[in-house]
Amino acid sequence: MPDRWIQLCTDGAVQVDSRTTAAGSVLRHGNGEWIIGYNKFLCECFLDGLALIQDRRYTGVMIQMDNIEIVKAIQNSSSTVLNSTLIKQIHQLLANVGLWVLQYIPREINKITDSIAKMVFDTRQAQGARTFNVKYYGAVADGRSDNRK
């Protein structure tokens, strides 16, 4: 991936008993250098990632996620699979970031983001968006909540 590009990896998680969905995202520079990892409830996470990218000056963005239905819905703007308002918001944000590529990747390859997404369900942790200072898989212990006192 070119140096002036940025990578947004997103992974969703579902807690069946509470019917709660969440997502984790990781932003990396084109050279693979870690920028930020964070988790939130599902739709907010992807939109926030795109909003963060707009604030920086990158040539393009590589978006990777493990949900093929969402990938197809974003690529096919006439899709009725997902909430059309959400898809329109995503397309508006993508129009502002310039060049972009959207790829499906299996969850097994997206382990860091999968771990961050699942942390939303840990009731021992503080509520709200959390950011992570993680550089490799397995070092997710440095999570920080945005609403700590």
N, C-alpha and C. Protein backbone atom coordinates (compact mmCIF):
# COMPACT_ATOMS: atom_id res chain seq x y z
N MET A 1 0.85 -1.17 0.00
CA MET A 1 0.00 0.00 0.00
C MET A 1 0.90 1.24 0.00
N PRO A 2 0.59 2.25 -0.81
CA PRO A 2 1.42 3.46 -0.86
C PRO A 2 1.50 4.18 0.48
N ASP A 3 2.62 4.87 0.73
CA ASP A 3 2.84 5.56 2.01
C ASP A 3 1.79 6.62 2.31
N ARG A 4 1.29 7.32 1.34
CA ARG A 4 0.33 8.40 1.58
C ARG A 4 -1.10 7.89 1.69
N TRP A 5 -1.27 6.59 1.79
CA TRP A 5 -2.58 5.99 2.00
C TRP A 5 -2.73 5.66 3.48
N ILE A 6 -3.96 5.41 3.89
CA ILE A 6 -4.26 5.01 5.26
C ILE A 6 -5.13 3.76 5.21
N GLN A 7 -5.00 2.89 6.20
CA GLN A 7 -5.77 1.65 6.24
C GLN A 7 -6.75 1.69 7.40
N LEU A 8 -8.02 1.39 7.12
CA LEU A 8 -9.07 1.28 8.14
C LEU A 8 -9.56 -0.16 8.15
N CYS A 9 -9.28 -0.89 9.23
CA CYS A 9 -9.77 -2.26 9.39
C CYS A 9 -10.91 -2.23 10.41
N THR A 10 -12.03 -2.81 10.05
CA THR A 10 -13.20 -2.83 10.92
C THR A 10 -13.68 -4.26 11.09
N ASP A 11 -14.11 -4.60 12.30
CA ASP A 11 -14.62 -5.93 12.59
C ASP A 11 -15.84 -5.80 13.49
N GLY A 12 -16.88 -6.53 13.18
CA GLY A 12 -18.09 -6.52 13.99
C GLY A 12 -18.15 -7.72 14.91
N ALA A 13 -18.87 -7.57 16.01
CA ALA A 13 -19.08 -8.66 16.95
C ALA A 13 -20.52 -8.59 17.45
N VAL A 14 -21.09 -9.75 17.74
CA VAL A 14 -22.47 -9.83 18.21
C VAL A 14 -22.50 -10.61 19.51
N GLN A 15 -23.21 -10.09 20.49
CA GLN A 15 -23.46 -10.81 21.74
C GLN A 15 -24.91 -11.27 21.66
N VAL A 16 -25.10 -12.55 21.41
CA VAL A 16 -26.41 -13.11 21.09
C VAL A 16 -27.42 -12.90 22.21
N ASP A 17 -27.05 -13.19 23.47
CA ASP A 17 -28.02 -13.11 24.55
C ASP A 17 -28.57 -11.70 24.79
N SER A 18 -27.78 -10.67 24.54
CA SER A 18 -28.26 -9.30 24.73
C SER A 18 -28.65 -8.62 23.42
N ARG A 19 -28.41 -9.31 22.30
CA ARG A 19 -28.68 -8.76 20.96
C ARG A 19 -27.93 -7.45 20.72
N THR A 20 -26.75 -7.36 21.27
CA THR A 20 -25.92 -6.17 21.13
C THR A 20 -24.89 -6.40 20.04
N THR A 21 -24.70 -5.39 19.20
CA THR A 21 -23.66 -5.45 18.18
C THR A 21 -22.63 -4.37 18.47
N ALA A 22 -21.40 -4.67 18.16
CA ALA A 22 -20.31 -3.72 18.39
C ALA A 22 -19.30 -3.87 17.27
N ALA A 23 -18.39 -2.93 17.20
CA ALA A 23 -17.33 -3.01 16.20
C ALA A 23 -16.05 -2.45 16.79
N GLY A 24 -14.96 -2.94 16.26
CA GLY A 24 -13.65 -2.40 16.57
C GLY A 24 -13.03 -1.94 15.28
N SER A 25 -12.22 -0.92 15.35
CA SER A 25 -11.53 -0.41 14.16
C SER A 25 -10.09 -0.11 14.51
N VAL A 26 -9.24 -0.24 13.51
CA VAL A 26 -7.83 0.08 13.63
C VAL A 26 -7.46 0.94 12.43
N LEU A 27 -6.76 2.06 12.68
CA LEU A 27 -6.22 2.90 11.62
C LEU A 27 -4.71 2.73 11.60
N ARG A 28 -4.16 2.52 10.38
CA ARG A 28 -2.71 2.40 10.21
C ARG A 28 -2.28 3.25 9.02
N HIS A 29 -1.05 3.78 9.10
CA HIS A 29 -0.46 4.47 7.96
C HIS A 29 -0.22 3.45 6.85
N GLY A 30 0.02 3.92 5.64
CA GLY A 30 0.28 3.04 4.51
C GLY A 30 1.46 2.11 4.72
N ASN A 31 2.42 2.51 5.56
CA ASN A 31 3.57 1.66 5.85
C ASN A 31 3.29 0.64 6.95
N GLY A 32 2.04 0.60 7.45
CA GLY A 32 1.66 -0.36 8.48
C GLY A 32 1.78 0.16 9.90
N GLU A 33 2.32 1.37 10.07
CA GLU A 33 2.50 1.94 11.41
C GLU A 33 1.14 2.23 12.06
N TRP A 34 1.02 1.81 13.31
CA TRP A 34 -0.22 1.96 14.09
C TRP A 34 -0.53 3.44 14.31
N ILE A 35 -1.80 3.84 14.12
CA ILE A 35 -2.26 5.19 14.45
C ILE A 35 -3.15 5.11 15.69
N ILE A 36 -4.26 4.36 15.59
CA ILE A 36 -5.21 4.27 16.70
C ILE A 36 -6.08 3.03 16.52
N GLY A 37 -6.53 2.49 17.62
CA GLY A 37 -7.53 1.43 17.63
C GLY A 37 -8.65 1.88 18.55
N TYR A 38 -9.88 1.55 18.24
CA TYR A 38 -11.00 1.97 19.08
C TYR A 38 -12.18 1.04 18.89
N ASN A 39 -13.13 1.08 19.83
CA ASN A 39 -14.35 0.30 19.67
C ASN A 39 -15.55 1.12 20.07
N LYS A 40 -16.68 0.79 19.47
CA LYS A 40 -17.95 1.46 19.73
C LYS A 40 -19.05 0.52 19.29
N PHE A 41 -20.27 1.00 19.36
CA PHE A 41 -21.35 0.21 18.82
C PHE A 41 -21.29 0.27 17.30
N LEU A 42 -21.77 -0.75 16.64
CA LEU A 42 -21.46 -1.10 15.26
C LEU A 42 -21.43 0.04 14.25
N CYS A 43 -22.51 0.69 13.97
CA CYS A 43 -22.56 1.68 12.89
C CYS A 43 -21.68 2.88 13.18
N GLU A 44 -21.62 3.30 14.43
CA GLU A 44 -20.83 4.46 14.80
C GLU A 44 -19.35 4.24 14.53
N CYS A 45 -18.87 3.04 14.70
CA CYS A 45 -17.45 2.74 14.61
C CYS A 45 -16.91 3.00 13.21
N PHE A 46 -17.58 2.49 12.20
CA PHE A 46 -17.14 2.65 10.81
C PHE A 46 -17.21 4.11 10.39
N LEU A 47 -18.32 4.78 10.72
CA LEU A 47 -18.48 6.19 10.36
C LEU A 47 -17.43 7.05 11.06
N ASP A 48 -17.14 6.76 12.32
CA ASP A 48 -16.11 7.53 13.03
C ASP A 48 -14.74 7.33 12.41
N GLY A 49 -14.45 6.12 11.96
CA GLY A 49 -13.18 5.86 11.29
C GLY A 49 -13.02 6.70 10.04
N LEU A 50 -14.08 6.77 9.24
CA LEU A 50 -14.03 7.59 8.04
C LEU A 50 -13.89 9.07 8.39
N ALA A 51 -14.56 9.51 9.44
CA ALA A 51 -14.46 10.91 9.87
C ALA A 51 -13.03 11.23 10.33
N LEU A 52 -12.39 10.32 11.05
CA LEU A 52 -11.00 10.52 11.47
C LEU A 52 -10.08 10.65 10.27
N ILE A 53 -10.33 9.84 9.26
CA ILE A 53 -9.50 9.86 8.06
C ILE A 53 -9.63 11.21 7.35
N GLN A 54 -10.83 11.78 7.31
CA GLN A 54 -11.03 13.07 6.65
C GLN A 54 -10.19 14.17 7.27
N ASP A 55 -9.95 14.07 8.57
CA ASP A 55 -9.20 15.10 9.27
C ASP A 55 -7.71 15.06 8.94
N ARG A 56 -7.25 14.03 8.30
CA ARG A 56 -5.84 13.88 7.96
C ARG A 56 -5.71 13.99 6.44
N ARG A 57 -4.54 14.28 5.96
CA ARG A 57 -4.34 14.46 4.52
C ARG A 57 -3.66 13.23 3.93
N TYR A 58 -4.48 12.32 3.47
CA TYR A 58 -3.98 11.10 2.84
C TYR A 58 -4.43 11.07 1.39
N THR A 59 -3.67 10.39 0.57
CA THR A 59 -4.00 10.25 -0.84
C THR A 59 -5.18 9.32 -1.03
N GLY A 60 -5.28 8.28 -0.21
CA GLY A 60 -6.36 7.31 -0.34
C GLY A 60 -6.51 6.49 0.92
N VAL A 61 -7.54 5.64 0.93
CA VAL A 61 -7.81 4.81 2.09
C VAL A 61 -8.11 3.38 1.64
N MET A 62 -7.51 2.42 2.33
CA MET A 62 -7.78 1.00 2.13
C MET A 62 -8.67 0.57 3.28
N ILE A 63 -9.91 0.15 2.98
CA ILE A 63 -10.86 -0.27 4.01
C ILE A 63 -10.99 -1.78 3.94
N GLN A 64 -10.81 -2.44 5.08
CA GLN A 64 -10.93 -3.89 5.15
C GLN A 64 -11.92 -4.25 6.24
N MET A 65 -12.85 -5.15 5.91
CA MET A 65 -13.81 -5.62 6.92
C MET A 65 -14.19 -7.05 6.64
N ASP A 66 -14.70 -7.72 7.67
CA ASP A 66 -15.01 -9.14 7.56
C ASP A 66 -16.48 -9.43 7.29
N ASN A 67 -17.26 -8.43 6.97
CA ASN A 67 -18.68 -8.64 6.69
C ASN A 67 -18.95 -8.44 5.21
N ILE A 68 -19.09 -9.54 4.48
CA ILE A 68 -19.25 -9.47 3.03
C ILE A 68 -20.52 -8.74 2.63
N GLU A 69 -21.59 -8.85 3.44
CA GLU A 69 -22.84 -8.16 3.11
C GLU A 69 -22.66 -6.65 3.14
N ILE A 70 -21.93 -6.15 4.14
CA ILE A 70 -21.68 -4.71 4.22
C ILE A 70 -20.79 -4.26 3.07
N VAL A 71 -19.76 -5.05 2.76
CA VAL A 71 -18.87 -4.72 1.65
C VAL A 71 -19.68 -4.60 0.36
N LYS A 72 -20.53 -5.57 0.09
CA LYS A 72 -21.35 -5.54 -1.13
C LYS A 72 -22.32 -4.37 -1.12
N ALA A 73 -22.92 -4.08 0.03
CA ALA A 73 -23.88 -2.97 0.11
C ALA A 73 -23.21 -1.63 -0.17
N ILE A 74 -21.99 -1.45 0.33
CA ILE A 74 -21.27 -0.20 0.09
C ILE A 74 -20.85 -0.11 -1.37
N GLN A 75 -20.39 -1.21 -1.94
CA GLN A 75 -19.96 -1.21 -3.33
C GLN A 75 -21.13 -1.03 -4.30
N ASN A 76 -22.32 -1.49 -3.90
CA ASN A 76 -23.51 -1.38 -4.74
C ASN A 76 -24.43 -0.33 -4.12
N SER A 77 -24.33 0.89 -4.58
CA SER A 77 -25.05 1.99 -3.93
C SER A 77 -26.57 1.84 -3.99
N SER A 78 -27.08 0.96 -4.84
CA SER A 78 -28.53 0.76 -4.91
C SER A 78 -28.99 -0.38 -4.00
N SER A 79 -28.11 -0.85 -3.13
CA SER A 79 -28.43 -1.97 -2.24
C SER A 79 -29.55 -1.63 -1.27
N THR A 80 -30.41 -2.60 -1.04
CA THR A 80 -31.46 -2.45 -0.03
C THR A 80 -31.21 -3.38 1.15
N VAL A 81 -30.03 -4.03 1.17
CA VAL A 81 -29.70 -4.97 2.24
C VAL A 81 -29.58 -4.27 3.58
N LEU A 82 -28.95 -3.11 3.59
CA LEU A 82 -28.74 -2.37 4.83
C LEU A 82 -29.53 -1.08 4.80
N ASN A 83 -29.57 -0.43 5.93
CA ASN A 83 -30.22 0.86 6.05
C ASN A 83 -29.65 1.82 5.01
N SER A 84 -30.48 2.28 4.09
CA SER A 84 -29.99 3.12 3.01
C SER A 84 -29.43 4.45 3.52
N THR A 85 -29.92 4.95 4.64
CA THR A 85 -29.39 6.18 5.21
C THR A 85 -27.94 5.99 5.63
N LEU A 86 -27.64 4.86 6.25
CA LEU A 86 -26.27 4.55 6.65
C LEU A 86 -25.36 4.45 5.44
N ILE A 87 -25.81 3.75 4.41
CA ILE A 87 -25.00 3.60 3.19
C ILE A 87 -24.77 4.97 2.56
N LYS A 88 -25.77 5.83 2.54
CA LYS A 88 -25.61 7.19 1.99
C LYS A 88 -24.58 7.98 2.79
N GLN A 89 -24.61 7.86 4.12
CA GLN A 89 -23.62 8.54 4.97
C GLN A 89 -22.22 8.05 4.66
N ILE A 90 -22.07 6.74 4.50
CA ILE A 90 -20.77 6.16 4.18
C ILE A 90 -20.28 6.68 2.84
N HIS A 91 -21.15 6.71 1.83
CA HIS A 91 -20.76 7.21 0.51
C HIS A 91 -20.37 8.69 0.56
N GLN A 92 -21.08 9.50 1.35
CA GLN A 92 -20.72 10.92 1.49
C GLN A 92 -19.34 11.07 2.10
N LEU A 93 -19.04 10.30 3.13
CA LEU A 93 -17.72 10.37 3.75
C LEU A 93 -16.64 9.87 2.80
N LEU A 94 -16.92 8.79 2.07
CA LEU A 94 -15.94 8.27 1.12
C LEU A 94 -15.66 9.26 0.00
N ALA A 95 -16.66 10.02 -0.41
CA ALA A 95 -16.47 11.04 -1.45
C ALA A 95 -15.48 12.11 -0.97
N ASN A 96 -15.45 12.35 0.32
CA ASN A 96 -14.55 13.37 0.88
C ASN A 96 -13.14 12.87 1.12
N VAL A 97 -12.93 11.55 1.17
CA VAL A 97 -11.58 11.05 1.43
C VAL A 97 -10.78 10.86 0.15
N GLY A 98 -11.40 10.95 -1.00
CA GLY A 98 -10.68 10.79 -2.26
C GLY A 98 -10.68 9.34 -2.72
N LEU A 99 -9.49 8.84 -3.06
CA LEU A 99 -9.37 7.46 -3.53
C LEU A 99 -9.62 6.48 -2.39
N TRP A 100 -10.35 5.41 -2.68
CA TRP A 100 -10.59 4.39 -1.66
C TRP A 100 -10.76 3.03 -2.29
N VAL A 101 -10.38 2.02 -1.52
CA VAL A 101 -10.52 0.62 -1.91
C VAL A 101 -11.19 -0.09 -0.74
N LEU A 102 -12.19 -0.91 -1.03
CA LEU A 102 -12.91 -1.65 0.01
C LEU A 102 -12.71 -3.13 -0.25
N GLN A 103 -12.22 -3.85 0.77
CA GLN A 103 -11.94 -5.28 0.63
C GLN A 103 -12.60 -6.08 1.73
N TYR A 104 -13.05 -7.27 1.38
CA TYR A 104 -13.48 -8.25 2.37
C TYR A 104 -12.24 -9.01 2.82
N ILE A 105 -12.08 -9.17 4.14
CA ILE A 105 -11.02 -10.03 4.67
C ILE A 105 -11.62 -10.92 5.75
N PRO A 106 -11.19 -12.17 5.84
CA PRO A 106 -11.71 -13.08 6.86
C PRO A 106 -11.34 -12.60 8.27
N ARG A 107 -12.19 -12.89 9.24
CA ARG A 107 -11.97 -12.51 10.63
C ARG A 107 -10.62 -13.03 11.14
N GLU A 108 -10.21 -14.20 10.68
CA GLU A 108 -8.96 -14.80 11.14
C GLU A 108 -7.76 -13.91 10.81
N ILE A 109 -7.85 -13.14 9.75
CA ILE A 109 -6.76 -12.25 9.35
C ILE A 109 -6.87 -10.92 10.09
N ASN A 110 -8.02 -10.61 10.60
CA ASN A 110 -8.33 -9.32 11.22
C ASN A 110 -8.39 -9.47 12.75
N LYS A 111 -7.45 -10.22 13.34
CA LYS A 111 -7.53 -10.60 14.76
C LYS A 111 -7.47 -9.42 15.73
N ILE A 112 -6.64 -8.43 15.45
CA ILE A 112 -6.53 -7.29 16.36
C ILE A 112 -7.87 -6.58 16.45
N THR A 113 -8.45 -6.29 15.30
CA THR A 113 -9.72 -5.57 15.27
C THR A 113 -10.83 -6.40 15.89
N ASP A 114 -10.82 -7.71 15.67
CA ASP A 114 -11.82 -8.60 16.26
C ASP A 114 -11.73 -8.54 17.79
N SER A 115 -10.53 -8.56 18.33
CA SER A 115 -10.34 -8.49 19.79
C SER A 115 -10.85 -7.17 20.35
N ILE A 116 -10.57 -6.08 19.65
CA ILE A 116 -11.03 -4.76 20.10
C ILE A 116 -12.55 -4.69 20.07
N ALA A 117 -13.17 -5.23 19.03
CA ALA A 117 -14.64 -5.22 18.94
C ALA A 117 -15.26 -5.97 20.11
N LYS A 118 -14.72 -7.12 20.44
CA LYS A 118 -15.30 -7.95 21.50
C LYS A 118 -15.14 -7.34 22.89
N MET A 119 -14.22 -6.41 23.05
CA MET A 119 -14.03 -5.77 24.35
C MET A 119 -15.23 -4.92 24.76
N VAL A 120 -16.06 -4.51 23.82
CA VAL A 120 -17.26 -3.74 24.14
C VAL A 120 -18.14 -4.53 25.10
N PHE A 121 -18.15 -5.85 24.97
CA PHE A 121 -19.03 -6.69 25.77
C PHE A 121 -18.50 -6.99 27.16
N ASP A 122 -17.27 -6.59 27.45
CA ASP A 122 -16.68 -6.84 28.76
C ASP A 122 -17.28 -5.85 29.75
N THR A 123 -18.20 -6.32 30.58
CA THR A 123 -18.92 -5.44 31.51
C THR A 123 -18.02 -4.90 32.62
N ARG A 124 -16.85 -5.45 32.76
CA ARG A 124 -15.93 -4.94 33.79
C ARG A 124 -15.24 -3.65 33.33
N GLN A 125 -15.32 -3.36 32.04
CA GLN A 125 -14.67 -2.18 31.49
C GLN A 125 -15.61 -0.98 31.52
N ALA A 126 -15.06 0.22 31.44
CA ALA A 126 -15.87 1.44 31.41
C ALA A 126 -16.69 1.48 30.13
N GLN A 127 -17.84 2.14 30.19
CA GLN A 127 -18.70 2.28 29.02
C GLN A 127 -18.21 3.43 28.16
N GLY A 128 -18.60 3.45 26.89
CA GLY A 128 -18.23 4.53 25.98
C GLY A 128 -17.16 4.07 25.02
N ALA A 129 -16.77 4.94 24.12
CA ALA A 129 -15.73 4.62 23.15
C ALA A 129 -14.41 4.48 23.89
N ARG A 130 -13.61 3.53 23.44
CA ARG A 130 -12.30 3.30 24.04
C ARG A 130 -11.27 3.32 22.95
N THR A 131 -10.12 3.90 23.23
CA THR A 131 -9.03 3.88 22.27
C THR A 131 -7.94 2.97 22.81
N PHE A 132 -7.13 2.45 21.89
CA PHE A 132 -6.11 1.47 22.25
C PHE A 132 -4.78 1.85 21.64
N ASN A 133 -3.75 1.69 22.43
CA ASN A 133 -2.40 1.97 22.01
C ASN A 133 -1.71 0.62 21.78
N VAL A 134 -2.08 -0.07 20.70
CA VAL A 134 -1.65 -1.44 20.46
C VAL A 134 -0.81 -1.48 19.20
N LYS A 135 0.32 -2.20 19.26
CA LYS A 135 1.15 -2.30 18.08
C LYS A 135 1.21 -3.71 17.51
N TYR A 136 0.75 -4.69 18.24
CA TYR A 136 0.73 -6.06 17.73
C TYR A 136 -0.34 -6.85 18.44
N TYR A 137 -0.78 -7.93 17.82
CA TYR A 137 -1.85 -8.76 18.38
C TYR A 137 -1.42 -9.33 19.72
N GLY A 138 -2.31 -9.26 20.70
CA GLY A 138 -2.02 -9.79 22.01
C GLY A 138 -1.64 -8.72 23.02
N ALA A 139 -1.42 -7.49 22.55
CA ALA A 139 -1.03 -6.41 23.45
C ALA A 139 -2.17 -5.45 23.69
N VAL A 140 -3.37 -5.97 23.75
CA VAL A 140 -4.56 -5.13 23.82
C VAL A 140 -4.81 -4.61 25.23
N ALA A 141 -3.92 -4.86 26.15
CA ALA A 141 -4.15 -4.50 27.55
C ALA A 141 -4.04 -3.01 27.82
N ASP A 142 -3.60 -2.22 26.86
CA ASP A 142 -3.40 -0.80 27.07
C ASP A 142 -4.61 0.02 26.61
N GLY A 143 -5.82 -0.53 26.75
CA GLY A 143 -7.03 0.19 26.33
C GLY A 143 -7.36 1.32 27.28
N ARG A 144 -7.91 2.38 26.72
CA ARG A 144 -8.29 3.54 27.54
C ARG A 144 -9.69 3.98 27.15
N SER A 145 -10.50 4.27 28.13
CA SER A 145 -11.85 4.74 27.88
C SER A 145 -11.86 6.25 27.75
N ASP A 146 -12.74 6.78 26.90
CA ASP A 146 -12.80 8.22 26.72
C ASP A 146 -13.60 8.92 27.81
N ASN A 147 -14.18 8.17 28.73
CA ASN A 147 -14.97 8.81 29.77
C ASN A 147 -14.48 8.46 31.18
N ARG A 148 -13.17 8.24 31.30
CA ARG A 148 -12.60 7.97 32.61
C ARG A 148 -12.66 9.22 33.47
N LYS A 149 -12.74 9.02 34.77
CA LYS A 149 -12.78 10.17 35.70
C LYS A 149 -11.46 10.32 36.40
